[in-house]
Amino acid sequence: MNGHAAGVTEQAAAPSRFHTTVEVRWSDMDAFQHINHARMVTLLEEARIPWLFLDERPTVKLRAGCVLADLRVQYKGQLRHEDSPLDVSMWISRLRAVDFTVGYEVRAAGAAPDSPAAVIASTQLAAFDIDTQRLRRLTTEERDYLSLWLAD
């Protein structure tokens, strides 16, 4: 992990959501002083790291092979440097044999959890075997862990 994801909690109010914060860097801003789209995508990636890719996670093997199959980002409001650290909640919206879709809601620091999200996003990630250059099935352990976060 590169140190940008600060606080991590498993939100008690919504047990199917993983909750973390991500620091915004000055370089994440564009000429209009809000977070640039490409940088927002990077911040979403950084938010996934403590949830899916740390050594103690059952999904740690995805670090060695996981490809992004789809990305969708909707901006409902602006986020700026002073809104840091961003509050990111994530969940699994779809779980299949070789892939899963992560849902995101991003809010400014201090925003109420039930307030409208400034960014709503999703990423479809697929397990990938680097050696064979083919998709692979998620393991039972990976599926069991991901299903804990499956939205109702």
C-alpha atoms as a PDB file:
ATOM      1  CA  MET A   1       0.000   0.000   0.000  1.00  0.00           C
ATOM      2  CA  ASN A   2       1.287   3.450  -0.835  1.00  0.00           C
ATOM      3  CA  GLY A   3       0.105   5.194   2.310  1.00  0.00           C
ATOM      4  CA  HIS A   4      -2.751   7.234   0.847  1.00  0.00           C
ATOM      5  CA  ALA A   5      -5.561   5.193   2.404  1.00  0.00           C
ATOM      6  CA  ALA A   6      -5.753   6.470   5.963  1.00  0.00           C
ATOM      7  CA  GLY A   7      -8.615   5.193   8.099  1.00  0.00           C
ATOM      8  CA  VAL A   8     -10.272   1.842   7.523  1.00  0.00           C
ATOM      9  CA  THR A   9     -13.437   0.609   9.193  1.00  0.00           C
ATOM     10  CA  GLU A  10     -16.048  -1.963   8.543  1.00  0.00           C
ATOM     11  CA  GLN A  11     -19.075   0.283   8.907  1.00  0.00           C
ATOM     12  CA  ALA A  12     -21.447  -0.943  11.633  1.00  0.00           C
ATOM     13  CA  ALA A  13     -24.481   0.837  10.148  1.00  0.00           C
ATOM     14  CA  ALA A  14     -24.078  -0.961   6.816  1.00  0.00           C
ATOM     15  CA  PRO A  15     -22.286  -4.281   7.390  1.00  0.00           C
ATOM     16  CA  SER A  16     -22.208  -5.067   3.671  1.00  0.00           C
ATOM     17  CA  ARG A  17     -20.020  -1.991   3.013  1.00  0.00           C
ATOM     18  CA  PHE A  18     -16.310  -1.547   3.502  1.00  0.00           C
ATOM     19  CA  HIS A  19     -15.418   1.958   4.614  1.00  0.00           C
ATOM     20  CA  THR A  20     -12.108   3.804   4.269  1.00  0.00           C
ATOM     21  CA  THR A  21     -10.667   7.267   3.749  1.00  0.00           C
ATOM     22  CA  VAL A  22      -8.259   8.368   1.025  1.00  0.00           C
ATOM     23  CA  GLU A  23      -6.070  11.475   1.132  1.00  0.00           C
ATOM     24  CA  VAL A  24      -6.286  13.876  -1.791  1.00  0.00           C
ATOM     25  CA  ARG A  25      -2.947  15.174  -3.059  1.00  0.00           C
ATOM     26  CA  TRP A  26      -2.488  18.688  -4.400  1.00  0.00           C
ATOM     27  CA  SER A  27      -1.524  17.109  -7.742  1.00  0.00           C
ATOM     28  CA  ASP A  28      -4.983  15.486  -7.927  1.00  0.00           C
ATOM     29  CA  MET A  29      -6.542  18.889  -8.695  1.00  0.00           C
ATOM     30  CA  ASP A  30      -7.196  20.203 -12.195  1.00  0.00           C
ATOM     31  CA  ALA A  31      -7.286  23.793 -13.462  1.00  0.00           C
ATOM     32  CA  PHE A  32     -10.818  24.198 -12.042  1.00  0.00           C
ATOM     33  CA  GLN A  33      -9.578  23.195  -8.561  1.00  0.00           C
ATOM     34  CA  HIS A  34     -11.574  19.986  -8.320  1.00  0.00           C
ATOM     35  CA  ILE A  35     -10.311  16.426  -8.502  1.00  0.00           C
ATOM     36  CA  ASN A  36      -9.378  15.463 -12.057  1.00  0.00           C
ATOM     37  CA  HIS A  37     -11.251  12.447 -13.482  1.00  0.00           C
ATOM     38  CA  ALA A  38      -8.124  10.330 -14.027  1.00  0.00           C
ATOM     39  CA  ARG A  39      -6.998  11.082 -10.486  1.00  0.00           C
ATOM     40  CA  MET A  40     -10.429  10.138  -9.113  1.00  0.00           C
ATOM     41  CA  VAL A  41     -10.054   6.744 -10.779  1.00  0.00           C
ATOM     42  CA  THR A  42      -6.666   6.389  -9.053  1.00  0.00           C
ATOM     43  CA  LEU A  43      -8.188   7.363  -5.699  1.00  0.00           C
ATOM     44  CA  LEU A  44     -10.850   4.665  -6.159  1.00  0.00           C
ATOM     45  CA  GLU A  45      -8.069   2.167  -6.828  1.00  0.00           C
ATOM     46  CA  GLU A  46      -6.245   3.280  -3.676  1.00  0.00           C
ATOM     47  CA  ALA A  47      -9.438   2.817  -1.665  1.00  0.00           C
ATOM     48  CA  ARG A  48      -9.716  -0.822  -2.856  1.00  0.00           C
ATOM     49  CA  ILE A  49      -6.230  -1.759  -1.640  1.00  0.00           C
ATOM     50  CA  PRO A  50      -6.935  -2.136   2.125  1.00  0.00           C
ATOM     51  CA  TRP A  51     -10.161  -3.996   1.397  1.00  0.00           C
ATOM     52  CA  LEU A  52      -9.011  -6.526  -1.192  1.00  0.00           C
ATOM     53  CA  PHE A  53      -5.233  -6.669  -1.546  1.00  0.00           C
ATOM     54  CA  LEU A  54      -3.612  -6.686   1.896  1.00  0.00           C
ATOM     55  CA  ASP A  55      -1.768  -9.835   3.018  1.00  0.00           C
ATOM     56  CA  GLU A  56      -4.384 -10.852   5.602  1.00  0.00           C
ATOM     57  CA  ARG A  57      -7.292 -10.699   3.138  1.00  0.00           C
ATOM     58  CA  PRO A  58      -8.586 -13.910   1.493  1.00  0.00           C
ATOM     59  CA  THR A  59      -8.476 -11.975  -1.798  1.00  0.00           C
ATOM     60  CA  VAL A  60      -4.728 -11.254  -1.569  1.00  0.00           C
ATOM     61  CA  LYS A  61      -4.035 -13.553  -4.578  1.00  0.00           C
ATOM     62  CA  LEU A  62      -5.828 -11.001  -6.751  1.00  0.00           C
ATOM     63  CA  ARG A  63      -2.752  -8.775  -6.331  1.00  0.00           C
ATOM     64  CA  ALA A  64      -0.910 -11.154  -8.656  1.00  0.00           C
ATOM     65  CA  GLY A  65      -3.656 -11.169 -11.261  1.00  0.00           C
ATOM     66  CA  CYS A  66      -6.708  -8.978 -11.479  1.00  0.00           C
ATOM     67  CA  VAL A  67      -7.828  -6.998 -14.516  1.00  0.00           C
ATOM     68  CA  LEU A  68     -10.227  -4.112 -14.817  1.00  0.00           C
ATOM     69  CA  ALA A  69     -13.012  -5.067 -17.225  1.00  0.00           C
ATOM     70  CA  ASP A  70     -15.321  -2.063 -16.836  1.00  0.00           C
ATOM     71  CA  LEU A  71     -15.308   1.337 -15.131  1.00  0.00           C
ATOM     72  CA  ARG A  72     -18.167   3.770 -14.607  1.00  0.00           C
ATOM     73  CA  VAL A  73     -17.934   7.084 -12.764  1.00  0.00           C
ATOM     74  CA  GLN A  74     -20.793   9.528 -12.166  1.00  0.00           C
ATOM     75  CA  TYR A  75     -20.119  12.967 -10.710  1.00  0.00           C
ATOM     76  CA  LYS A  76     -22.995  14.278  -8.607  1.00  0.00           C
ATOM     77  CA  GLY A  77     -20.956  17.073  -6.996  1.00  0.00           C
ATOM     78  CA  GLN A  78     -17.469  18.551  -6.950  1.00  0.00           C
ATOM     79  CA  LEU A  79     -14.735  17.361  -4.637  1.00  0.00           C
ATOM     80  CA  ARG A  80     -11.751  19.586  -3.902  1.00  0.00           C
ATOM     81  CA  HIS A  81      -8.469  19.319  -2.034  1.00  0.00           C
ATOM     82  CA  GLU A  82     -10.044  20.779   1.125  1.00  0.00           C
ATOM     83  CA  ASP A  83     -12.573  17.892   1.137  1.00  0.00           C
ATOM     84  CA  SER A  84      -9.745  15.504   2.053  1.00  0.00           C
ATOM     85  CA  PRO A  85      -9.617  12.843   3.284  1.00  0.00           C
ATOM     86  CA  LEU A  86     -12.340  11.530   1.037  1.00  0.00           C
ATOM     87  CA  ASP A  87     -14.796   9.154   2.636  1.00  0.00           C
ATOM     88  CA  VAL A  88     -15.209   6.033   0.454  1.00  0.00           C
ATOM     89  CA  SER A  89     -17.667   3.213   1.009  1.00  0.00           C
ATOM     90  CA  MET A  90     -17.517   0.093  -1.163  1.00  0.00           C
ATOM     91  CA  TRP A  91     -19.540  -3.064  -1.621  1.00  0.00           C
ATOM     92  CA  ILE A  92     -19.954  -5.925  -4.073  1.00  0.00           C
ATOM     93  CA  SER A  93     -22.895  -5.348  -6.398  1.00  0.00           C
ATOM     94  CA  ARG A  94     -22.373  -8.494  -8.504  1.00  0.00           C
ATOM     95  CA  LEU A  95     -20.374 -11.672  -7.909  1.00  0.00           C
ATOM     96  CA  ARG A  96     -19.823 -14.263 -10.632  1.00  0.00           C
ATOM     97  CA  ALA A  97     -17.439 -17.181 -11.263  1.00  0.00           C
ATOM     98  CA  VAL A  98     -14.490 -15.157 -12.608  1.00  0.00           C
ATOM     99  CA  ASP A  99     -15.408 -11.558 -11.871  1.00  0.00           C
ATOM    100  CA  PHE A 100     -17.105  -9.184  -9.473  1.00  0.00           C
ATOM    101  CA  THR A 101     -18.332  -5.620  -9.539  1.00  0.00           C
ATOM    102  CA  VAL A 102     -17.433  -3.115  -6.834  1.00  0.00           C
ATOM    103  CA  GLY A 103     -19.796  -0.236  -6.091  1.00  0.00           C
ATOM    104  CA  TYR A 104     -18.472   3.025  -4.609  1.00  0.00           C
ATOM    105  CA  GLU A 105     -19.836   6.124  -2.948  1.00  0.00           C
ATOM    106  CA  VAL A 106     -17.411   8.972  -2.333  1.00  0.00           C
ATOM    107  CA  ARG A 107     -18.116  11.893   0.002  1.00  0.00           C
ATOM    108  CA  ALA A 108     -16.162  14.840   1.346  1.00  0.00           C
ATOM    109  CA  ALA A 109     -14.528  14.484   4.762  1.00  0.00           C
ATOM    110  CA  GLY A 110     -17.080  14.974   7.515  1.00  0.00           C
ATOM    111  CA  ALA A 111     -20.112  14.469   5.280  1.00  0.00           C
ATOM    112  CA  ALA A 112     -22.942  12.522   6.870  1.00  0.00           C
ATOM    113  CA  PRO A 113     -23.012   8.877   5.724  1.00  0.00           C
ATOM    114  CA  ASP A 114     -26.598   9.305   4.524  1.00  0.00           C
ATOM    115  CA  SER A 115     -25.876  12.517   2.579  1.00  0.00           C
ATOM    116  CA  PRO A 116     -25.809  12.366  -1.230  1.00  0.00           C
ATOM    117  CA  ALA A 117     -22.506  11.025  -2.564  1.00  0.00           C
ATOM    118  CA  ALA A 118     -20.404  13.394  -4.689  1.00  0.00           C
ATOM    119  CA  VAL A 119     -19.167  10.446  -6.769  1.00  0.00           C
ATOM    120  CA  ILE A 120     -20.909   7.165  -7.529  1.00  0.00           C
ATOM    121  CA  ALA A 121     -18.793   4.590  -9.350  1.00  0.00           C
ATOM    122  CA  SER A 122     -18.392   0.932 -10.196  1.00  0.00           C
ATOM    123  CA  THR A 123     -15.537  -1.244 -11.372  1.00  0.00           C
ATOM    124  CA  GLN A 124     -15.833  -4.751 -12.744  1.00  0.00           C
ATOM    125  CA  LEU A 125     -12.725  -6.730 -11.789  1.00  0.00           C
ATOM    126  CA  ALA A 126     -11.818 -10.169 -13.131  1.00  0.00           C
ATOM    127  CA  ALA A 127      -9.441 -12.724 -11.641  1.00  0.00           C
ATOM    128  CA  PHE A 128      -6.592 -13.300 -14.083  1.00  0.00           C
ATOM    129  CA  ASP A 129      -3.793 -15.876 -14.301  1.00  0.00           C
ATOM    130  CA  ILE A 130      -0.675 -14.021 -15.434  1.00  0.00           C
ATOM    131  CA  ASP A 131       1.183 -17.228 -16.380  1.00  0.00           C
ATOM    132  CA  THR A 132      -1.515 -18.541 -18.715  1.00  0.00           C
ATOM    133  CA  GLN A 133      -2.814 -15.088 -19.727  1.00  0.00           C
ATOM    134  CA  ARG A 134      -6.375 -16.273 -19.110  1.00  0.00           C
ATOM    135  CA  LEU A 135      -9.183 -15.470 -16.755  1.00  0.00           C
ATOM    136  CA  ARG A 136      -9.382 -17.802 -13.766  1.00  0.00           C
ATOM    137  CA  ARG A 137     -12.202 -18.784 -11.473  1.00  0.00           C
ATOM    138  CA  LEU A 138     -12.373 -17.080  -8.103  1.00  0.00           C
ATOM    139  CA  THR A 139     -11.361 -19.459  -5.319  1.00  0.00           C
ATOM    140  CA  THR A 140     -13.862 -20.552  -2.681  1.00  0.00           C
ATOM    141  CA  GLU A 141     -12.073 -18.351  -0.121  1.00  0.00           C
ATOM    142  CA  GLU A 142     -12.189 -15.331  -2.442  1.00  0.00           C
ATOM    143  CA  ARG A 143     -15.888 -15.866  -3.205  1.00  0.00           C
ATOM    144  CA  ASP A 144     -16.744 -16.360   0.481  1.00  0.00           C
ATOM    145  CA  TYR A 145     -14.974 -13.121   1.446  1.00  0.00           C
ATOM    146  CA  LEU A 146     -16.489 -11.122  -1.417  1.00  0.00           C
ATOM    147  CA  SER A 147     -19.969 -12.453  -0.630  1.00  0.00           C
ATOM    148  CA  LEU A 148     -19.713 -10.871   2.845  1.00  0.00           C
ATOM    149  CA  TRP A 149     -19.886  -7.505   1.066  1.00  0.00           C
ATOM    150  CA  LEU A 150     -22.608  -8.416  -1.424  1.00  0.00           C
ATOM    151  CA  ALA A 151     -25.371  -5.816  -1.494  1.00  0.00           C
ATOM    152  CA  ASP A 152     -28.839  -7.107  -0.737  1.00  0.00           C
END
